[in-house]
Amino acid sequence: MLSANVFFYFFSGVLVFSAIMVIVASHSVFSLLFLVLSFIASAFLLFMLECEFLALIFIVVYVGAIAVLFLFAVMMLDAKLQNLTRNISRYLPVGFLFALFFLIPILLQASKEEASSETILSNKNSYANWYDLIDSTLDIEVYGQVLYSYFVLQFLVVGLILLVVLIGVVYLTNTYTSNRMVDQSTYKQLSVTSKFFY
């Protein structure tokens, strides 16, 4: 219970810090990255509150939309990222800490499941508590069973539409430069009777 409270306060602090940094950051790229971090922290908070579906909606919709917005902003506005990519080796320790931060809970959960399986095997008079089995079904499992069994075609159509939108954004943001010279006629531009020459 104490560890859950510590994680809750930690992700709340990360959410508040990243929300402030969205406004304070001077570069638009950093603002977008802090916005993504705030959505991820709020998704973790929703996971801890056992709202798995809302947490995944936050990650898929908001983080995915922000990633597409990041791509669109970089390609359309031609943001100068040379200063960000010069000394990328100094960001490796931060990336290692993030990877370690996500790896430790996975290892703890795996060891907890292994310990629970050993205790179940060691108990001789084990019985099935049907209420716990029914209550242990998560909301996301129910949504997944419904989506992949009854609404498979609609789910695939939505994925295809999102793919077409992503390809369209990439296609529209590509700039094509023409190499031909533009011919100008000074006489036609400055003449009063230039409308008769067209």
N, C-alpha and C. Protein backbone atom coordinates (compact mmCIF):
# COMPACT_ATOMS: atom_id res chain seq x y z
N MET A 1 0.83 -1.21 0.00
CA MET A 1 0.00 0.00 0.00
C MET A 1 0.86 1.26 0.00
N LEU A 2 1.98 1.20 0.73
CA LEU A 2 2.87 2.34 0.80
C LEU A 2 3.52 2.61 -0.55
N SER A 3 3.92 1.52 -1.25
CA SER A 3 4.53 1.69 -2.57
C SER A 3 3.55 2.28 -3.57
N ALA A 4 2.26 1.90 -3.47
CA ALA A 4 1.25 2.47 -4.36
C ALA A 4 1.10 3.97 -4.14
N ASN A 5 1.12 4.38 -2.88
CA ASN A 5 1.04 5.82 -2.59
C ASN A 5 2.27 6.57 -3.10
N VAL A 6 3.44 5.94 -2.97
CA VAL A 6 4.66 6.58 -3.45
C VAL A 6 4.60 6.76 -4.96
N PHE A 7 4.16 5.71 -5.69
CA PHE A 7 4.05 5.82 -7.14
C PHE A 7 3.00 6.85 -7.54
N PHE A 8 1.90 6.91 -6.78
CA PHE A 8 0.85 7.87 -7.10
C PHE A 8 1.36 9.30 -6.95
N TYR A 9 2.07 9.58 -5.86
CA TYR A 9 2.61 10.92 -5.66
C TYR A 9 3.72 11.22 -6.68
N PHE A 10 4.48 10.20 -7.04
CA PHE A 10 5.55 10.42 -8.02
C PHE A 10 4.97 10.81 -9.38
N PHE A 11 3.98 10.05 -9.86
CA PHE A 11 3.40 10.37 -11.16
C PHE A 11 2.61 11.67 -11.11
N SER A 12 2.02 12.00 -9.97
CA SER A 12 1.35 13.30 -9.83
C SER A 12 2.36 14.44 -9.93
N GLY A 13 3.52 14.27 -9.30
CA GLY A 13 4.56 15.28 -9.41
C GLY A 13 5.09 15.42 -10.82
N VAL A 14 5.27 14.28 -11.51
CA VAL A 14 5.72 14.33 -12.90
C VAL A 14 4.68 15.03 -13.77
N LEU A 15 3.40 14.77 -13.52
CA LEU A 15 2.34 15.41 -14.29
C LEU A 15 2.33 16.92 -14.08
N VAL A 16 2.45 17.36 -12.84
CA VAL A 16 2.45 18.80 -12.56
C VAL A 16 3.69 19.47 -13.16
N PHE A 17 4.86 18.82 -13.01
CA PHE A 17 6.10 19.39 -13.54
C PHE A 17 6.05 19.50 -15.06
N SER A 18 5.59 18.44 -15.74
CA SER A 18 5.55 18.47 -17.20
C SER A 18 4.51 19.46 -17.71
N ALA A 19 3.39 19.60 -16.98
CA ALA A 19 2.38 20.59 -17.39
C ALA A 19 2.92 22.01 -17.27
N ILE A 20 3.73 22.27 -16.23
CA ILE A 20 4.34 23.59 -16.10
C ILE A 20 5.39 23.81 -17.19
N MET A 21 6.17 22.77 -17.49
CA MET A 21 7.22 22.91 -18.49
C MET A 21 6.67 23.07 -19.90
N VAL A 22 5.44 22.62 -20.15
CA VAL A 22 4.82 22.86 -21.46
C VAL A 22 4.70 24.36 -21.71
N ILE A 23 4.38 25.10 -20.66
CA ILE A 23 4.23 26.55 -20.80
C ILE A 23 5.57 27.27 -20.73
N VAL A 24 6.48 26.77 -19.89
CA VAL A 24 7.74 27.47 -19.64
C VAL A 24 8.75 27.24 -20.76
N ALA A 25 8.74 26.06 -21.39
CA ALA A 25 9.78 25.72 -22.38
C ALA A 25 9.74 26.69 -23.55
N SER A 26 10.94 27.13 -23.96
CA SER A 26 11.02 28.13 -25.02
C SER A 26 10.91 27.51 -26.41
N HIS A 27 11.43 26.31 -26.58
CA HIS A 27 11.39 25.64 -27.89
C HIS A 27 10.11 24.84 -28.02
N SER A 28 9.52 24.88 -29.21
CA SER A 28 8.25 24.18 -29.42
C SER A 28 8.41 22.67 -29.36
N VAL A 29 9.59 22.17 -29.75
CA VAL A 29 9.82 20.73 -29.70
C VAL A 29 9.82 20.24 -28.26
N PHE A 30 10.47 21.00 -27.38
CA PHE A 30 10.49 20.61 -25.97
C PHE A 30 9.10 20.71 -25.34
N SER A 31 8.32 21.70 -25.76
CA SER A 31 6.94 21.80 -25.26
C SER A 31 6.13 20.59 -25.64
N LEU A 32 6.29 20.12 -26.88
CA LEU A 32 5.56 18.93 -27.32
C LEU A 32 6.02 17.69 -26.55
N LEU A 33 7.32 17.59 -26.30
CA LEU A 33 7.81 16.42 -25.56
C LEU A 33 7.31 16.43 -24.12
N PHE A 34 7.27 17.59 -23.49
CA PHE A 34 6.71 17.66 -22.14
C PHE A 34 5.21 17.40 -22.13
N LEU A 35 4.52 17.77 -23.21
CA LEU A 35 3.09 17.46 -23.30
C LEU A 35 2.87 15.96 -23.41
N VAL A 36 3.72 15.29 -24.19
CA VAL A 36 3.65 13.82 -24.27
C VAL A 36 3.92 13.20 -22.91
N LEU A 37 4.92 13.73 -22.19
CA LEU A 37 5.23 13.21 -20.85
C LEU A 37 4.07 13.41 -19.88
N SER A 38 3.38 14.53 -19.99
CA SER A 38 2.23 14.76 -19.11
C SER A 38 1.10 13.79 -19.41
N PHE A 39 0.87 13.49 -20.69
CA PHE A 39 -0.17 12.51 -21.03
C PHE A 39 0.20 11.11 -20.55
N ILE A 40 1.48 10.76 -20.64
CA ILE A 40 1.92 9.44 -20.18
C ILE A 40 1.78 9.33 -18.66
N ALA A 41 2.13 10.40 -17.94
CA ALA A 41 1.98 10.39 -16.48
C ALA A 41 0.52 10.29 -16.08
N SER A 42 -0.36 10.99 -16.79
CA SER A 42 -1.79 10.88 -16.48
C SER A 42 -2.32 9.50 -16.81
N ALA A 43 -1.78 8.87 -17.85
CA ALA A 43 -2.18 7.49 -18.16
C ALA A 43 -1.75 6.53 -17.06
N PHE A 44 -0.56 6.73 -16.50
CA PHE A 44 -0.12 5.90 -15.37
C PHE A 44 -1.02 6.10 -14.15
N LEU A 45 -1.43 7.34 -13.92
CA LEU A 45 -2.35 7.60 -12.80
C LEU A 45 -3.68 6.89 -13.01
N LEU A 46 -4.17 6.89 -14.25
CA LEU A 46 -5.43 6.19 -14.53
C LEU A 46 -5.26 4.69 -14.38
N PHE A 47 -4.09 4.16 -14.74
CA PHE A 47 -3.83 2.74 -14.51
C PHE A 47 -3.87 2.41 -13.02
N MET A 48 -3.31 3.28 -12.21
CA MET A 48 -3.31 3.02 -10.77
C MET A 48 -4.70 3.13 -10.16
N LEU A 49 -5.56 3.93 -10.80
CA LEU A 49 -6.95 4.03 -10.35
C LEU A 49 -7.85 2.97 -10.96
N GLU A 50 -7.25 1.99 -11.66
CA GLU A 50 -7.95 0.86 -12.28
C GLU A 50 -8.91 1.30 -13.38
N CYS A 51 -8.54 2.34 -14.09
CA CYS A 51 -9.28 2.78 -15.28
C CYS A 51 -8.41 2.48 -16.50
N GLU A 52 -8.30 1.20 -16.82
CA GLU A 52 -7.35 0.78 -17.85
C GLU A 52 -7.74 1.29 -19.23
N PHE A 53 -9.04 1.29 -19.50
CA PHE A 53 -9.49 1.70 -20.83
C PHE A 53 -9.20 3.18 -21.07
N LEU A 54 -9.47 4.01 -20.09
CA LEU A 54 -9.18 5.44 -20.23
C LEU A 54 -7.68 5.69 -20.35
N ALA A 55 -6.88 4.90 -19.63
CA ALA A 55 -5.43 5.07 -19.72
C ALA A 55 -4.93 4.73 -21.12
N LEU A 56 -5.44 3.65 -21.69
CA LEU A 56 -5.02 3.30 -23.05
C LEU A 56 -5.55 4.29 -24.07
N ILE A 57 -6.74 4.84 -23.83
CA ILE A 57 -7.25 5.89 -24.72
C ILE A 57 -6.34 7.12 -24.66
N PHE A 58 -5.87 7.46 -23.47
CA PHE A 58 -4.93 8.58 -23.34
C PHE A 58 -3.67 8.32 -24.15
N ILE A 59 -3.14 7.09 -24.04
CA ILE A 59 -1.89 6.79 -24.73
C ILE A 59 -2.09 6.74 -26.23
N VAL A 60 -3.14 6.06 -26.68
CA VAL A 60 -3.33 5.87 -28.12
C VAL A 60 -3.76 7.17 -28.79
N VAL A 61 -4.76 7.84 -28.22
CA VAL A 61 -5.32 9.02 -28.88
C VAL A 61 -4.42 10.24 -28.68
N TYR A 62 -4.15 10.58 -27.43
CA TYR A 62 -3.43 11.82 -27.17
C TYR A 62 -1.96 11.72 -27.55
N VAL A 63 -1.30 10.67 -27.10
CA VAL A 63 0.13 10.54 -27.42
C VAL A 63 0.32 10.31 -28.91
N GLY A 64 -0.57 9.51 -29.53
CA GLY A 64 -0.48 9.31 -30.97
C GLY A 64 -0.74 10.59 -31.74
N ALA A 65 -1.75 11.35 -31.30
CA ALA A 65 -2.05 12.61 -31.97
C ALA A 65 -0.92 13.62 -31.79
N ILE A 66 -0.33 13.64 -30.60
CA ILE A 66 0.78 14.57 -30.37
C ILE A 66 1.99 14.16 -31.21
N ALA A 67 2.20 12.86 -31.38
CA ALA A 67 3.32 12.41 -32.22
C ALA A 67 3.10 12.84 -33.67
N VAL A 68 1.88 12.72 -34.18
CA VAL A 68 1.58 13.17 -35.54
C VAL A 68 1.71 14.69 -35.64
N LEU A 69 1.28 15.40 -34.60
CA LEU A 69 1.44 16.85 -34.58
C LEU A 69 2.91 17.24 -34.57
N PHE A 70 3.72 16.48 -33.84
CA PHE A 70 5.17 16.73 -33.82
C PHE A 70 5.76 16.55 -35.22
N LEU A 71 5.37 15.47 -35.91
CA LEU A 71 5.83 15.23 -37.27
C LEU A 71 5.38 16.35 -38.20
N PHE A 72 4.13 16.75 -38.07
CA PHE A 72 3.58 17.79 -38.93
C PHE A 72 4.29 19.12 -38.69
N ALA A 73 4.54 19.46 -37.41
CA ALA A 73 5.19 20.73 -37.09
C ALA A 73 6.63 20.75 -37.58
N VAL A 74 7.33 19.64 -37.44
CA VAL A 74 8.73 19.61 -37.87
C VAL A 74 8.83 19.70 -39.38
N MET A 75 7.92 19.02 -40.10
CA MET A 75 8.00 19.02 -41.57
C MET A 75 7.45 20.30 -42.18
N MET A 76 6.43 20.89 -41.57
CA MET A 76 5.84 22.10 -42.14
C MET A 76 6.60 23.36 -41.75
N LEU A 77 6.92 23.49 -40.48
CA LEU A 77 7.55 24.71 -40.01
C LEU A 77 9.06 24.68 -40.13
N ASP A 78 9.62 23.52 -40.48
CA ASP A 78 11.06 23.36 -40.65
C ASP A 78 11.80 23.84 -39.41
N ALA A 79 11.44 23.23 -38.27
CA ALA A 79 12.08 23.60 -37.01
C ALA A 79 13.55 23.22 -37.03
N LYS A 80 14.35 24.11 -36.50
CA LYS A 80 15.80 23.90 -36.51
C LYS A 80 16.18 22.92 -35.40
N LEU A 81 16.52 21.70 -35.81
CA LEU A 81 16.87 20.67 -34.84
C LEU A 81 18.35 20.35 -34.84
N GLN A 82 19.16 21.21 -35.49
CA GLN A 82 20.59 20.91 -35.52
C GLN A 82 21.20 20.98 -34.13
N ASN A 83 20.75 21.93 -33.33
CA ASN A 83 21.31 22.06 -31.98
C ASN A 83 20.89 20.91 -31.08
N LEU A 84 19.75 20.27 -31.42
CA LEU A 84 19.28 19.16 -30.59
C LEU A 84 20.01 17.87 -30.89
N THR A 85 20.50 17.73 -32.11
CA THR A 85 21.11 16.47 -32.52
C THR A 85 22.63 16.49 -32.50
N ARG A 86 23.23 17.56 -32.01
CA ARG A 86 24.69 17.61 -32.03
C ARG A 86 25.30 16.68 -30.99
N ASN A 87 24.97 16.91 -29.74
CA ASN A 87 25.54 16.12 -28.65
C ASN A 87 24.48 15.17 -28.11
N ILE A 88 24.15 14.17 -28.91
CA ILE A 88 23.09 13.24 -28.49
C ILE A 88 23.60 12.24 -27.47
N SER A 89 24.93 12.10 -27.36
CA SER A 89 25.47 11.13 -26.41
C SER A 89 25.23 11.55 -24.96
N ARG A 90 25.04 12.83 -24.72
CA ARG A 90 24.81 13.27 -23.34
C ARG A 90 23.40 12.92 -22.86
N TYR A 91 22.50 12.57 -23.80
CA TYR A 91 21.15 12.17 -23.42
C TYR A 91 21.04 10.67 -23.14
N LEU A 92 22.10 9.92 -23.40
CA LEU A 92 22.05 8.47 -23.20
C LEU A 92 21.84 8.08 -21.73
N PRO A 93 22.47 8.74 -20.75
CA PRO A 93 22.17 8.36 -19.35
C PRO A 93 20.71 8.56 -18.97
N VAL A 94 20.09 9.62 -19.48
CA VAL A 94 18.67 9.86 -19.19
C VAL A 94 17.82 8.75 -19.80
N GLY A 95 18.15 8.36 -21.03
CA GLY A 95 17.42 7.26 -21.66
C GLY A 95 17.61 5.94 -20.93
N PHE A 96 18.82 5.73 -20.42
CA PHE A 96 19.07 4.51 -19.64
C PHE A 96 18.26 4.50 -18.35
N LEU A 97 18.15 5.66 -17.70
CA LEU A 97 17.35 5.75 -16.47
C LEU A 97 15.87 5.50 -16.76
N PHE A 98 15.37 6.02 -17.89
CA PHE A 98 13.98 5.77 -18.24
C PHE A 98 13.75 4.29 -18.53
N ALA A 99 14.70 3.65 -19.23
CA ALA A 99 14.56 2.22 -19.51
C ALA A 99 14.60 1.41 -18.23
N LEU A 100 15.47 1.78 -17.31
CA LEU A 100 15.54 1.10 -16.02
C LEU A 100 14.27 1.32 -15.21
N PHE A 101 13.70 2.52 -15.32
CA PHE A 101 12.47 2.83 -14.60
C PHE A 101 11.31 1.98 -15.08
N PHE A 102 11.27 1.69 -16.38
CA PHE A 102 10.19 0.85 -16.91
C PHE A 102 10.50 -0.64 -16.77
N LEU A 103 11.78 -1.00 -16.62
CA LEU A 103 12.14 -2.41 -16.53
C LEU A 103 11.93 -2.96 -15.12
N ILE A 104 12.17 -2.14 -14.10
CA ILE A 104 12.05 -2.61 -12.71
C ILE A 104 10.62 -3.04 -12.37
N PRO A 105 9.55 -2.28 -12.70
CA PRO A 105 8.20 -2.78 -12.39
C PRO A 105 7.84 -4.09 -13.10
N ILE A 106 8.36 -4.27 -14.32
CA ILE A 106 8.09 -5.53 -15.03
C ILE A 106 8.72 -6.70 -14.30
N LEU A 107 9.97 -6.52 -13.86
CA LEU A 107 10.64 -7.60 -13.13
C LEU A 107 9.97 -7.86 -11.78
N LEU A 108 9.52 -6.81 -11.10
CA LEU A 108 8.82 -6.99 -9.83
C LEU A 108 7.50 -7.73 -10.02
N GLN A 109 6.78 -7.38 -11.09
CA GLN A 109 5.51 -8.07 -11.35
C GLN A 109 5.75 -9.53 -11.70
N ALA A 110 6.80 -9.82 -12.47
CA ALA A 110 7.09 -11.21 -12.82
C ALA A 110 7.47 -12.02 -11.58
N SER A 111 8.27 -11.44 -10.69
CA SER A 111 8.63 -12.16 -9.46
C SER A 111 7.43 -12.35 -8.55
N LYS A 112 6.52 -11.38 -8.53
CA LYS A 112 5.31 -11.50 -7.71
C LYS A 112 4.41 -12.62 -8.23
N GLU A 113 4.27 -12.71 -9.57
CA GLU A 113 3.45 -13.78 -10.14
C GLU A 113 4.08 -15.15 -9.88
N GLU A 114 5.40 -15.22 -9.93
CA GLU A 114 6.06 -16.49 -9.66
C GLU A 114 5.87 -16.90 -8.20
N ALA A 115 5.95 -15.94 -7.28
CA ALA A 115 5.74 -16.25 -5.86
C ALA A 115 4.30 -16.66 -5.60
N SER A 116 3.34 -16.01 -6.26
CA SER A 116 1.93 -16.38 -6.06
C SER A 116 1.64 -17.76 -6.61
N SER A 117 2.27 -18.12 -7.74
CA SER A 117 2.06 -19.47 -8.28
C SER A 117 2.66 -20.53 -7.36
N GLU A 118 3.79 -20.22 -6.71
CA GLU A 118 4.37 -21.17 -5.76
C GLU A 118 3.49 -21.34 -4.53
N THR A 119 2.89 -20.27 -4.05
CA THR A 119 2.01 -20.39 -2.89
C THR A 119 0.74 -21.15 -3.24
N ILE A 120 0.25 -20.99 -4.45
CA ILE A 120 -0.94 -21.74 -4.86
C ILE A 120 -0.63 -23.23 -4.94
N LEU A 121 0.55 -23.56 -5.46
CA LEU A 121 0.92 -24.98 -5.55
C LEU A 121 1.21 -25.58 -4.18
N SER A 122 1.67 -24.76 -3.23
CA SER A 122 1.99 -25.30 -1.91
C SER A 122 0.74 -25.52 -1.06
N ASN A 123 -0.34 -24.79 -1.33
CA ASN A 123 -1.57 -24.97 -0.56
C ASN A 123 -2.25 -26.27 -0.96
N LYS A 124 -2.58 -27.08 0.04
CA LYS A 124 -3.23 -28.36 -0.25
C LYS A 124 -4.75 -28.20 -0.36
N ASN A 125 -5.33 -27.39 0.50
CA ASN A 125 -6.78 -27.21 0.50
C ASN A 125 -7.15 -25.92 -0.23
N SER A 126 -6.75 -25.86 -1.48
CA SER A 126 -7.07 -24.66 -2.25
C SER A 126 -8.44 -24.81 -2.88
N TYR A 127 -9.19 -23.75 -2.87
CA TYR A 127 -10.52 -23.75 -3.47
C TYR A 127 -10.63 -22.53 -4.39
N ALA A 128 -11.58 -22.61 -5.29
CA ALA A 128 -11.77 -21.54 -6.26
C ALA A 128 -12.77 -20.53 -5.72
N ASN A 129 -12.32 -19.31 -5.54
CA ASN A 129 -13.20 -18.23 -5.14
C ASN A 129 -13.75 -17.58 -6.41
N TRP A 130 -14.98 -17.92 -6.75
CA TRP A 130 -15.53 -17.49 -8.03
C TRP A 130 -15.76 -15.98 -8.07
N TYR A 131 -16.02 -15.39 -6.94
CA TYR A 131 -16.22 -13.94 -6.92
C TYR A 131 -14.93 -13.20 -7.30
N ASP A 132 -13.80 -13.69 -6.76
CA ASP A 132 -12.53 -13.07 -7.11
C ASP A 132 -12.18 -13.29 -8.58
N LEU A 133 -12.54 -14.47 -9.11
CA LEU A 133 -12.25 -14.74 -10.51
C LEU A 133 -13.08 -13.84 -11.43
N ILE A 134 -14.34 -13.60 -11.08
CA ILE A 134 -15.17 -12.72 -11.89
C ILE A 134 -14.71 -11.27 -11.75
N ASP A 135 -14.37 -10.90 -10.53
CA ASP A 135 -13.97 -9.52 -10.28
C ASP A 135 -12.59 -9.22 -10.85
N SER A 136 -11.77 -10.24 -11.08
CA SER A 136 -10.43 -10.01 -11.60
C SER A 136 -10.41 -9.70 -13.08
N THR A 137 -11.53 -9.87 -13.77
CA THR A 137 -11.57 -9.54 -15.20
C THR A 137 -11.52 -8.03 -15.36
N LEU A 138 -10.54 -7.57 -16.11
CA LEU A 138 -10.35 -6.14 -16.28
C LEU A 138 -11.29 -5.60 -17.35
N ASP A 139 -11.51 -4.30 -17.29
CA ASP A 139 -12.36 -3.66 -18.29
C ASP A 139 -11.76 -3.78 -19.68
N ILE A 140 -10.45 -3.67 -19.76
CA ILE A 140 -9.81 -3.70 -21.07
C ILE A 140 -9.92 -5.08 -21.70
N GLU A 141 -9.97 -6.13 -20.87
CA GLU A 141 -10.17 -7.48 -21.42
C GLU A 141 -11.56 -7.62 -22.02
N VAL A 142 -12.55 -7.05 -21.35
CA VAL A 142 -13.92 -7.12 -21.88
C VAL A 142 -14.02 -6.34 -23.18
N TYR A 143 -13.44 -5.13 -23.22
CA TYR A 143 -13.46 -4.34 -24.45
C TYR A 143 -12.72 -5.05 -25.58
N GLY A 144 -11.60 -5.68 -25.24
CA GLY A 144 -10.86 -6.40 -26.27
C GLY A 144 -11.62 -7.59 -26.82
N GLN A 145 -12.29 -8.34 -25.96
CA GLN A 145 -13.09 -9.47 -26.43
C GLN A 145 -14.24 -9.01 -27.32
N VAL A 146 -14.88 -7.90 -26.95
CA VAL A 146 -15.99 -7.40 -27.77
C VAL A 146 -15.48 -6.86 -29.10
N LEU A 147 -14.37 -6.11 -29.08
CA LEU A 147 -13.86 -5.51 -30.31
C LEU A 147 -13.37 -6.56 -31.29
N TYR A 148 -12.64 -7.55 -30.80
CA TYR A 148 -12.04 -8.53 -31.69
C TYR A 148 -12.96 -9.69 -32.03
N SER A 149 -14.15 -9.73 -31.46
CA SER A 149 -15.08 -10.81 -31.80
C SER A 149 -16.28 -10.31 -32.58
N TYR A 150 -16.87 -9.18 -32.15
CA TYR A 150 -18.09 -8.69 -32.78
C TYR A 150 -17.86 -7.54 -33.75
N PHE A 151 -16.81 -6.78 -33.54
CA PHE A 151 -16.58 -5.58 -34.36
C PHE A 151 -15.22 -5.64 -35.04
N VAL A 152 -14.89 -6.78 -35.62
CA VAL A 152 -13.58 -6.93 -36.25
C VAL A 152 -13.49 -6.07 -37.50
N LEU A 153 -14.52 -6.09 -38.34
CA LEU A 153 -14.50 -5.34 -39.60
C LEU A 153 -14.42 -3.83 -39.34
N GLN A 154 -15.20 -3.35 -38.39
CA GLN A 154 -15.17 -1.92 -38.08
C GLN A 154 -13.81 -1.51 -37.51
N PHE A 155 -13.23 -2.38 -36.71
CA PHE A 155 -11.92 -2.09 -36.13
C PHE A 155 -10.84 -1.99 -37.22
N LEU A 156 -10.90 -2.89 -38.19
CA LEU A 156 -9.94 -2.85 -39.29
C LEU A 156 -10.15 -1.63 -40.18
N VAL A 157 -11.40 -1.24 -40.39
CA VAL A 157 -11.69 -0.06 -41.21
C VAL A 157 -11.16 1.21 -40.54
N VAL A 158 -11.32 1.30 -39.23
CA VAL A 158 -10.79 2.46 -38.49
C VAL A 158 -9.27 2.51 -38.59
N GLY A 159 -8.61 1.36 -38.45
CA GLY A 159 -7.16 1.33 -38.60
C GLY A 159 -6.71 1.72 -39.99
N LEU A 160 -7.47 1.30 -41.03
CA LEU A 160 -7.13 1.67 -42.41
C LEU A 160 -7.32 3.17 -42.63
N ILE A 161 -8.37 3.74 -42.05
CA ILE A 161 -8.59 5.18 -42.18
C ILE A 161 -7.45 5.97 -41.53
N LEU A 162 -7.03 5.53 -40.35
CA LEU A 162 -5.91 6.21 -39.68
C LEU A 162 -4.62 6.09 -40.48
N LEU A 163 -4.40 4.94 -41.12
CA LEU A 163 -3.22 4.78 -41.96
C LEU A 163 -3.26 5.71 -43.17
N VAL A 164 -4.44 5.83 -43.79
CA VAL A 164 -4.59 6.73 -44.94
C VAL A 164 -4.36 8.18 -44.52
N VAL A 165 -4.85 8.56 -43.34
CA VAL A 165 -4.64 9.92 -42.85
C VAL A 165 -3.16 10.19 -42.61
N LEU A 166 -2.46 9.23 -42.04
CA LEU A 166 -1.02 9.40 -41.79
C LEU A 166 -0.24 9.54 -43.09
N ILE A 167 -0.58 8.70 -44.08
CA ILE A 167 0.09 8.79 -45.38
C ILE A 167 -0.24 10.13 -46.05
N GLY A 168 -1.49 10.59 -45.90
CA GLY A 168 -1.87 11.88 -46.48
C GLY A 168 -1.13 13.04 -45.86
N VAL A 169 -0.91 12.99 -44.54
CA VAL A 169 -0.16 14.06 -43.87
C VAL A 169 1.28 14.09 -44.36
N VAL A 170 1.89 12.92 -44.49
CA VAL A 170 3.28 12.87 -44.98
C VAL A 170 3.35 13.35 -46.42
N TYR A 171 2.35 13.00 -47.24
CA TYR A 171 2.36 13.42 -48.64
C TYR A 171 2.15 14.92 -48.77
N LEU A 172 1.25 15.48 -47.97
CA LEU A 172 0.96 16.91 -48.08
C LEU A 172 2.08 17.78 -47.56
N THR A 173 2.86 17.27 -46.62
CA THR A 173 3.92 18.09 -46.05
C THR A 173 5.20 18.07 -46.87
N ASN A 174 5.29 17.19 -47.85
CA ASN A 174 6.47 17.20 -48.72
C ASN A 174 6.40 18.40 -49.65
N THR A 175 7.46 19.14 -49.72
CA THR A 175 7.50 20.32 -50.58
C THR A 175 8.27 19.98 -51.84
N TYR A 176 7.65 20.28 -52.95
CA TYR A 176 8.26 20.03 -54.24
C TYR A 176 8.75 21.37 -54.81
N THR A 177 10.02 21.44 -55.08
CA THR A 177 10.60 22.67 -55.64
C THR A 177 10.74 22.51 -57.15
N SER A 178 10.30 23.50 -57.84
CA SER A 178 10.38 23.48 -59.30
C SER A 178 11.67 24.15 -59.74
N ASN A 179 12.34 23.55 -60.70
CA ASN A 179 13.62 24.07 -61.18
C ASN A 179 13.47 25.04 -62.35
N ARG A 180 12.29 25.14 -62.90
CA ARG A 180 12.13 25.99 -64.07
C ARG A 180 12.14 27.46 -63.66
N MET A 181 12.67 28.28 -64.51
CA MET A 181 12.73 29.72 -64.26
C MET A 181 11.39 30.35 -64.61
N VAL A 182 11.00 31.32 -63.83
CA VAL A 182 9.75 32.02 -64.07
C VAL A 182 10.03 33.17 -65.03
N ASP A 183 9.34 33.14 -66.17
CA ASP A 183 9.52 34.19 -67.18
C ASP A 183 8.66 35.40 -66.80
N GLN A 184 9.27 36.55 -66.82
CA GLN A 184 8.54 37.78 -66.52
C GLN A 184 8.66 38.73 -67.70
N SER A 185 7.53 39.36 -67.99
CA SER A 185 7.51 40.37 -69.04
C SER A 185 7.23 41.71 -68.39
N THR A 186 8.25 42.56 -68.35
CA THR A 186 8.10 43.86 -67.71
C THR A 186 7.10 44.73 -68.44
N TYR A 187 7.11 44.62 -69.76
CA TYR A 187 6.17 45.43 -70.56
C TYR A 187 4.73 45.07 -70.25
N LYS A 188 4.44 43.75 -70.14
CA LYS A 188 3.07 43.32 -69.85
C LYS A 188 2.65 43.69 -68.44
N GLN A 189 3.61 43.68 -67.51
CA GLN A 189 3.25 43.99 -66.13
C GLN A 189 3.01 45.49 -65.93
N LEU A 190 3.77 46.32 -66.65
CA LEU A 190 3.68 47.76 -66.43
C LEU A 190 2.75 48.46 -67.42
N SER A 191 2.35 47.75 -68.45
CA SER A 191 1.53 48.38 -69.47
C SER A 191 0.11 48.57 -68.97
N VAL A 192 -0.50 49.67 -69.39
CA VAL A 192 -1.88 49.94 -69.02
C VAL A 192 -2.81 48.98 -69.74
N THR A 193 -2.43 48.61 -70.95
CA THR A 193 -3.26 47.71 -71.76
C THR A 193 -2.76 46.29 -71.67
N SER A 194 -2.27 45.89 -70.48
CA SER A 194 -1.70 44.55 -70.34
C SER A 194 -2.75 43.46 -70.43
N LYS A 195 -4.03 43.83 -70.22
CA LYS A 195 -5.07 42.80 -70.28
C LYS A 195 -5.27 42.27 -71.69
N PHE A 196 -4.83 43.03 -72.71
CA PHE A 196 -5.01 42.56 -74.08
C PHE A 196 -3.92 41.58 -74.49
N PHE A 197 -2.87 41.46 -73.69
CA PHE A 197 -1.77 40.58 -74.05
C PHE A 197 -1.95 39.18 -73.50
N TYR A 198 -2.95 38.92 -72.68
CA TYR A 198 -3.12 37.61 -72.07
C TYR A 198 -4.13 36.79 -72.84
